[in-house]
Amino acid sequence: MENLMTEKKKHYSYEQSLKSLDTEEFIDLKFYRPLGYLWALFFERIGATPNFVSVLSIFLGVGAGILFYFNNLELNIIGMLLLIWANTYDSADGQLARMTGNYSRMGRILDGACGDIWFITIYAAICLRLTPEWGIKIWLLAAIAGYWHSKQASLADYYRNIHLFFLKGKKGSELDDSDYVRAEYEKLSFAQDPIYKVFMWFYSNYTSKQEKITPNMQQFRKLLRSKYGDEAIPSNLREVFREKSKPLMKYTNMLSFNTRVIALFISLFLNLPWLYFIFELVVLNGMLIYMVIKHERICRNFCEQLTGKTK
């Protein structure tokens, strides 16, 4: 009986709720992950699923975005607190999934959609707030920033999962192959699984775009498959790639949530919400470009080593 209790306690430990220390950011480790873990324990106790927690985070994030419409700092601060709360739930859903083993591709897609829905609401609220002063120009600025926001978040997610693949293997990563996702999508029926098929269509395009931006990474993956398969990559090769990839993890974190939200909050405190769009376009795009160039160079070097074409 005591052994069973020990195993259960270990299964639900805080450390096991984390993806990996390599991919966690300082603010997440000190704030969001501890709070997310407490929420995950609560939701596990009441029998809630990770997807249920994700849906709750959507309501909180949308509520936050709506409050950013008002040119009122007190309401904006309430919106900031709601957005922080939403992100603790966004942390909790993944932690709950890892703690309980309740994984699903639908859960991954829904988890990724949460942030998109939050920021679509935030973008729309800011644009509506500034339309009397800016007119159509603010919507054009937001559309351009939103396009690059999606690229930033997508590549950050992709590089993080590539790192986790080399660190923990296929089971410890959510790295997907667009051909496999497309094949699964084709097997689905609109008559039997209409919602899942729609989600899989979006996810298929999502993974395909990730791969198109990273040609050297795709070549590296093909070489690894042909030489070792997905599960037999030598441990020394995994470790070397991890060491090369690890310095880029701080950029994947900056492009995900915390850095952009700090910029958003500062712009709201200054009553200059348009500054947030400029920050995304200038600062975060600079990080994105650096991250892509650096990661592609790492992958090209590994391809040269595997094919014996090292200069």
Protein backbone atom coordinates (compact mmCIF):
# COMPACT_ATOMS: atom_id res chain seq x y z
CA MET A 1 0.00 0.00 0.00
CA GLU A 2 2.81 2.37 0.91
CA ASN A 3 4.58 1.58 -2.39
CA LEU A 4 1.44 2.40 -4.34
CA MET A 5 1.11 5.74 -2.56
CA THR A 6 4.76 6.51 -3.25
CA GLU A 7 4.31 5.71 -6.94
CA LYS A 8 1.22 7.90 -7.15
CA LYS A 9 3.00 10.77 -5.42
CA LYS A 10 5.93 10.42 -7.78
CA HIS A 11 3.58 10.32 -10.78
CA TYR A 12 2.08 13.64 -9.78
CA SER A 13 5.34 15.37 -8.80
CA TYR A 14 6.02 18.94 -9.90
CA GLU A 15 9.15 17.92 -11.81
CA GLN A 16 7.21 15.43 -13.93
CA SER A 17 4.74 18.15 -14.86
CA LEU A 18 7.48 20.09 -16.69
CA LYS A 19 8.47 19.53 -20.31
CA SER A 20 12.17 19.89 -19.51
CA LEU A 21 14.46 22.33 -17.74
CA ASP A 22 16.14 22.98 -21.10
CA THR A 23 12.99 24.49 -22.56
CA GLU A 24 11.55 26.29 -19.52
CA GLU A 25 11.90 30.05 -19.08
CA PHE A 26 12.81 31.79 -15.82
CA ILE A 27 9.41 33.49 -15.41
CA ASP A 28 7.64 30.21 -16.17
CA LEU A 29 9.72 28.25 -13.66
CA LYS A 30 9.30 30.85 -10.92
CA PHE A 31 5.67 31.78 -11.52
CA TYR A 32 3.53 30.09 -14.17
CA ARG A 33 4.66 26.48 -13.71
CA PRO A 34 4.24 26.40 -9.89
CA LEU A 35 0.79 27.99 -10.19
CA GLY A 36 -0.05 25.74 -13.13
CA TYR A 37 0.94 22.71 -11.09
CA LEU A 38 -1.41 23.72 -8.26
CA TRP A 39 -4.22 24.25 -10.75
CA ALA A 40 -3.41 20.90 -12.38
CA LEU A 41 -3.69 19.14 -9.01
CA PHE A 42 -7.03 20.87 -8.41
CA PHE A 43 -8.41 19.98 -11.83
CA GLU A 44 -7.20 16.39 -11.48
CA ARG A 45 -8.98 16.15 -8.14
CA ILE A 46 -12.31 17.25 -9.63
CA GLY A 47 -11.88 15.00 -12.67
CA ALA A 48 -11.42 17.77 -15.27
CA THR A 49 -9.58 16.96 -18.50
CA PRO A 50 -6.73 19.01 -20.02
CA ASN A 51 -9.05 20.04 -22.86
CA PHE A 52 -11.57 21.40 -20.36
CA VAL A 53 -8.82 23.52 -18.79
CA SER A 54 -7.80 24.77 -22.25
CA VAL A 55 -11.37 25.90 -22.96
CA LEU A 56 -11.49 27.76 -19.63
CA SER A 57 -8.29 29.58 -20.59
CA ILE A 58 -9.92 30.70 -23.83
CA PHE A 59 -12.75 32.42 -21.94
CA LEU A 60 -10.28 34.16 -19.63
CA GLY A 61 -8.04 35.26 -22.50
CA VAL A 62 -10.96 36.58 -24.55
CA GLY A 63 -12.24 38.45 -21.48
CA ALA A 64 -8.81 40.03 -21.09
CA GLY A 65 -8.74 41.12 -24.71
CA ILE A 66 -12.16 42.75 -24.48
CA LEU A 67 -11.02 44.84 -21.52
CA PHE A 68 -8.09 46.18 -23.56
CA TYR A 69 -10.62 47.92 -25.80
CA PHE A 70 -11.35 50.51 -23.13
CA ASN A 71 -9.12 53.56 -22.72
CA ASN A 72 -9.24 53.05 -18.97
CA LEU A 73 -6.15 51.91 -17.10
CA GLU A 74 -8.10 50.24 -14.28
CA LEU A 75 -10.02 48.08 -16.75
CA ASN A 76 -6.80 47.40 -18.66
CA ILE A 77 -5.12 46.20 -15.45
CA ILE A 78 -8.02 43.83 -14.79
CA GLY A 79 -7.50 42.57 -18.35
CA MET A 80 -3.80 42.04 -17.63
CA LEU A 81 -4.65 39.99 -14.54
CA LEU A 82 -7.14 37.92 -16.54
CA LEU A 83 -4.51 37.27 -19.21
CA ILE A 84 -2.04 36.14 -16.55
CA TRP A 85 -4.74 33.88 -15.10
CA ALA A 86 -5.45 32.49 -18.57
CA ASN A 87 -1.78 31.65 -18.99
CA THR A 88 -1.68 29.78 -15.67
CA TYR A 89 -4.47 27.61 -17.10
CA ASP A 90 -2.56 27.27 -20.37
CA SER A 91 0.35 25.98 -18.30
CA ALA A 92 -1.94 23.77 -16.20
CA ASP A 93 -3.50 21.94 -19.15
CA GLY A 94 -0.12 20.70 -20.39
CA GLN A 95 1.06 19.88 -16.88
CA LEU A 96 -2.16 17.97 -16.20
CA ALA A 97 -1.71 16.02 -19.43
CA ARG A 98 1.85 15.08 -18.54
CA MET A 99 0.94 14.16 -14.95
CA THR A 100 -1.98 11.94 -15.89
CA GLY A 101 -0.83 10.69 -19.31
CA ASN A 102 -4.01 12.12 -20.83
CA TYR A 103 -2.50 13.13 -24.18
CA SER A 104 -4.27 13.62 -27.49
CA ARG A 105 -3.52 15.35 -30.76
CA MET A 106 -6.80 17.23 -30.35
CA GLY A 107 -5.48 18.48 -27.03
CA ARG A 108 -2.26 19.72 -28.63
CA ILE A 109 -4.19 21.50 -31.37
CA LEU A 110 -6.62 23.05 -28.88
CA ASP A 111 -3.76 24.12 -26.63
CA GLY A 112 -2.10 25.90 -29.53
CA ALA A 113 -5.38 27.50 -30.59
CA CYS A 114 -5.86 29.06 -27.14
CA GLY A 115 -3.11 31.63 -27.59
CA ASP A 116 -4.28 32.39 -31.13
CA ILE A 117 -7.81 33.13 -29.90
CA TRP A 118 -6.51 35.31 -27.04
CA PHE A 119 -4.37 37.43 -29.33
CA ILE A 120 -6.96 37.71 -32.11
CA THR A 121 -9.27 39.21 -29.48
CA ILE A 122 -6.50 41.47 -28.18
CA TYR A 123 -5.62 42.66 -31.70
CA ALA A 124 -9.26 43.38 -32.53
CA ALA A 125 -9.82 45.23 -29.24
CA ILE A 126 -6.76 47.45 -29.75
CA CYS A 127 -7.74 48.17 -33.34
CA LEU A 128 -11.29 49.12 -32.35
CA ARG A 129 -9.88 51.31 -29.58
CA LEU A 130 -7.58 53.17 -31.95
CA THR A 131 -9.78 53.29 -35.07
CA PRO A 132 -11.21 56.78 -34.29
CA GLU A 133 -7.66 58.16 -34.29
CA TRP A 134 -5.87 55.88 -36.77
CA GLY A 135 -8.60 54.74 -39.14
CA ILE A 136 -7.79 51.82 -41.43
CA LYS A 137 -4.05 52.21 -40.79
CA ILE A 138 -4.21 50.51 -37.39
CA TRP A 139 -5.96 47.48 -38.91
CA LEU A 140 -3.28 47.21 -41.59
CA LEU A 141 -0.53 47.48 -38.97
CA ALA A 142 -2.25 44.85 -36.82
CA ALA A 143 -2.71 42.50 -39.80
CA ILE A 144 1.01 42.65 -40.64
CA ALA A 145 2.01 42.21 -36.98
CA GLY A 146 -0.47 39.36 -36.61
CA TYR A 147 0.94 37.56 -39.64
CA TRP A 148 4.44 37.69 -38.19
CA HIS A 149 3.15 36.85 -34.73
CA SER A 150 1.87 33.55 -36.15
CA LYS A 151 5.27 32.84 -37.73
CA GLN A 152 7.09 33.64 -34.51
CA ALA A 153 4.88 31.41 -32.36
CA SER A 154 4.89 28.59 -34.91
CA LEU A 155 8.68 28.43 -35.27
CA ALA A 156 9.19 28.79 -31.52
CA ASP A 157 6.91 25.79 -30.97
CA TYR A 158 8.64 23.80 -33.71
CA TYR A 159 12.19 24.38 -32.49
CA ARG A 160 11.16 23.61 -28.92
CA ASN A 161 9.70 20.26 -29.98
CA ILE A 162 12.76 19.45 -32.10
CA HIS A 163 14.90 20.07 -29.02
CA LEU A 164 12.63 17.85 -26.91
CA PHE A 165 12.84 15.13 -29.58
CA PHE A 166 16.63 14.99 -29.25
CA LEU A 167 16.45 15.32 -25.48
CA LYS A 168 13.67 12.83 -24.69
CA GLY A 169 12.95 10.96 -27.89
CA LYS A 170 9.70 10.70 -29.83
CA LYS A 171 7.55 10.05 -26.76
CA GLY A 172 8.84 13.15 -24.99
CA SER A 173 8.13 15.49 -27.88
CA GLU A 174 5.09 16.65 -29.83
CA LEU A 175 7.10 16.82 -33.06
CA ASP A 176 4.91 15.81 -36.00
CA ASP A 177 5.49 15.10 -39.67
CA SER A 178 3.21 16.93 -42.14
CA ASP A 179 2.92 13.88 -44.42
CA TYR A 180 1.73 11.76 -41.50
CA VAL A 181 -0.69 14.46 -40.34
CA ARG A 182 -2.05 14.87 -43.88
CA ALA A 183 -2.55 11.11 -44.21
CA GLU A 184 -4.44 11.04 -40.92
CA TYR A 185 -6.56 13.98 -42.07
CA GLU A 186 -7.46 12.16 -45.30
CA LYS A 187 -8.70 9.14 -43.33
CA LEU A 188 -11.16 11.24 -41.34
CA SER A 189 -14.75 11.73 -42.42
CA PHE A 190 -16.70 14.98 -42.19
CA ALA A 191 -19.81 12.90 -41.53
CA GLN A 192 -18.32 11.07 -38.52
CA ASP A 193 -15.69 13.52 -37.16
CA PRO A 194 -16.50 17.00 -38.55
CA ILE A 195 -14.87 19.04 -35.76
CA TYR A 196 -11.72 16.91 -35.56
CA LYS A 197 -11.35 16.92 -39.35
CA VAL A 198 -11.52 20.74 -39.43
CA PHE A 199 -8.93 20.95 -36.65
CA MET A 200 -6.70 18.47 -38.48
CA TRP A 201 -6.94 20.51 -41.68
CA PHE A 202 -5.59 23.56 -39.85
CA TYR A 203 -2.97 21.45 -38.08
CA SER A 204 -1.84 19.88 -41.36
CA ASN A 205 -1.26 23.33 -42.85
CA TYR A 206 0.44 24.42 -39.63
CA THR A 207 2.99 21.59 -39.70
CA SER A 208 3.52 21.96 -43.45
CA LYS A 209 4.40 25.67 -43.10
CA GLN A 210 6.81 24.89 -40.26
CA GLU A 211 8.66 22.45 -42.50
CA LYS A 212 8.79 24.77 -45.52
CA ILE A 213 10.59 27.43 -43.48
CA THR A 214 13.17 24.90 -42.23
CA PRO A 215 14.58 23.05 -45.27
CA ASN A 216 17.89 22.14 -43.63
CA MET A 217 16.06 20.69 -40.65
CA GLN A 218 13.93 18.56 -42.99
CA GLN A 219 17.03 17.29 -44.78
CA PHE A 220 18.59 16.45 -41.42
CA ARG A 221 15.47 14.53 -40.32
CA LYS A 222 15.46 12.54 -43.59
CA LEU A 223 19.10 11.62 -43.15
CA LEU A 224 18.49 10.54 -39.54
CA ARG A 225 15.53 8.38 -40.55
CA SER A 226 17.40 6.68 -43.34
CA LYS A 227 20.44 6.06 -41.16
CA TYR A 228 18.98 5.34 -37.72
CA GLY A 229 15.18 5.54 -37.74
CA ASP A 230 13.33 7.73 -35.24
CA GLU A 231 14.20 5.74 -32.13
CA ALA A 232 17.78 4.56 -32.72
CA ILE A 233 19.63 7.86 -33.00
CA PRO A 234 22.96 7.46 -31.14
CA SER A 235 23.00 9.08 -27.70
CA ASN A 236 26.19 11.03 -28.46
CA LEU A 237 24.59 12.57 -31.57
CA ARG A 238 21.50 13.46 -29.52
CA GLU A 239 23.65 15.11 -26.87
CA VAL A 240 25.72 17.12 -29.34
CA PHE A 241 22.61 18.41 -31.09
CA ARG A 242 21.04 19.26 -27.74
CA GLU A 243 24.07 21.32 -26.75
CA LYS A 244 23.96 23.20 -30.06
CA SER A 245 20.20 23.76 -29.83
CA LYS A 246 19.96 24.68 -26.14
CA PRO A 247 21.17 28.34 -26.48
CA LEU A 248 18.29 28.95 -28.92
CA MET A 249 15.65 27.88 -26.40
CA LYS A 250 15.69 31.30 -24.75
CA TYR A 251 14.55 32.79 -28.07
CA THR A 252 11.76 30.24 -28.44
CA ASN A 253 10.53 31.31 -24.99
CA MET A 254 10.77 35.01 -25.78
CA LEU A 255 8.73 34.48 -28.94
CA SER A 256 6.03 32.51 -27.13
CA PHE A 257 4.30 34.54 -24.40
CA ASN A 258 6.17 36.26 -21.58
CA THR A 259 8.28 38.78 -23.49
CA ARG A 260 5.48 39.81 -25.82
CA VAL A 261 3.02 40.18 -22.93
CA ILE A 262 5.45 42.36 -20.97
CA ALA A 263 5.67 44.59 -24.07
CA LEU A 264 1.87 44.58 -24.36
CA PHE A 265 1.41 45.60 -20.72
CA ILE A 266 3.99 48.39 -21.00
CA SER A 267 2.26 49.77 -24.10
CA LEU A 268 -1.07 49.77 -22.25
CA PHE A 269 0.41 51.49 -19.20
CA LEU A 270 1.81 54.17 -21.55
CA ASN A 271 -1.58 54.40 -23.28
CA LEU A 272 0.22 53.69 -26.55
CA PRO A 273 -1.10 50.22 -27.43
CA TRP A 274 0.08 50.53 -31.04
CA LEU A 275 3.65 50.27 -29.71
CA TYR A 276 3.00 46.59 -29.11
CA PHE A 277 2.58 45.96 -32.84
CA ILE A 278 5.84 47.80 -33.54
CA PHE A 279 7.60 45.69 -30.91
CA GLU A 280 6.41 42.51 -32.60
CA LEU A 281 7.50 43.67 -36.02
CA VAL A 282 10.92 45.01 -35.06
CA VAL A 283 12.22 43.29 -31.93
CA LEU A 284 10.51 39.90 -32.11
CA ASN A 285 11.08 39.57 -35.85
CA GLY A 286 14.76 40.27 -35.26
CA MET A 287 14.81 37.36 -32.80
CA LEU A 288 12.92 35.17 -35.28
CA ILE A 289 15.34 35.84 -38.13
CA TYR A 290 18.35 35.16 -35.92
CA MET A 291 16.80 31.96 -34.56
CA VAL A 292 15.96 30.56 -38.01
CA ILE A 293 19.37 31.38 -39.49
CA LYS A 294 21.21 29.90 -36.52
CA HIS A 295 19.11 26.71 -36.36
CA GLU A 296 19.33 26.11 -40.10
CA ARG A 297 23.11 26.53 -39.93
CA ILE A 298 23.31 23.95 -37.13
CA CYS A 299 21.23 21.49 -39.18
CA ARG A 300 23.28 22.08 -42.32
CA ASN A 301 26.47 21.30 -40.41
CA PHE A 302 25.00 18.05 -39.12
CA CYS A 303 23.87 17.12 -42.65
CA GLU A 304 27.40 17.67 -43.92
CA GLN A 305 28.81 15.45 -41.17
CA LEU A 306 26.31 12.65 -41.84
CA THR A 307 26.94 12.70 -45.59
CA GLY A 308 30.70 13.08 -45.26
CA LYS A 309 30.71 16.46 -46.98
CA THR A 310 32.27 18.39 -44.13
CA LYS A 311 34.30 21.31 -45.42
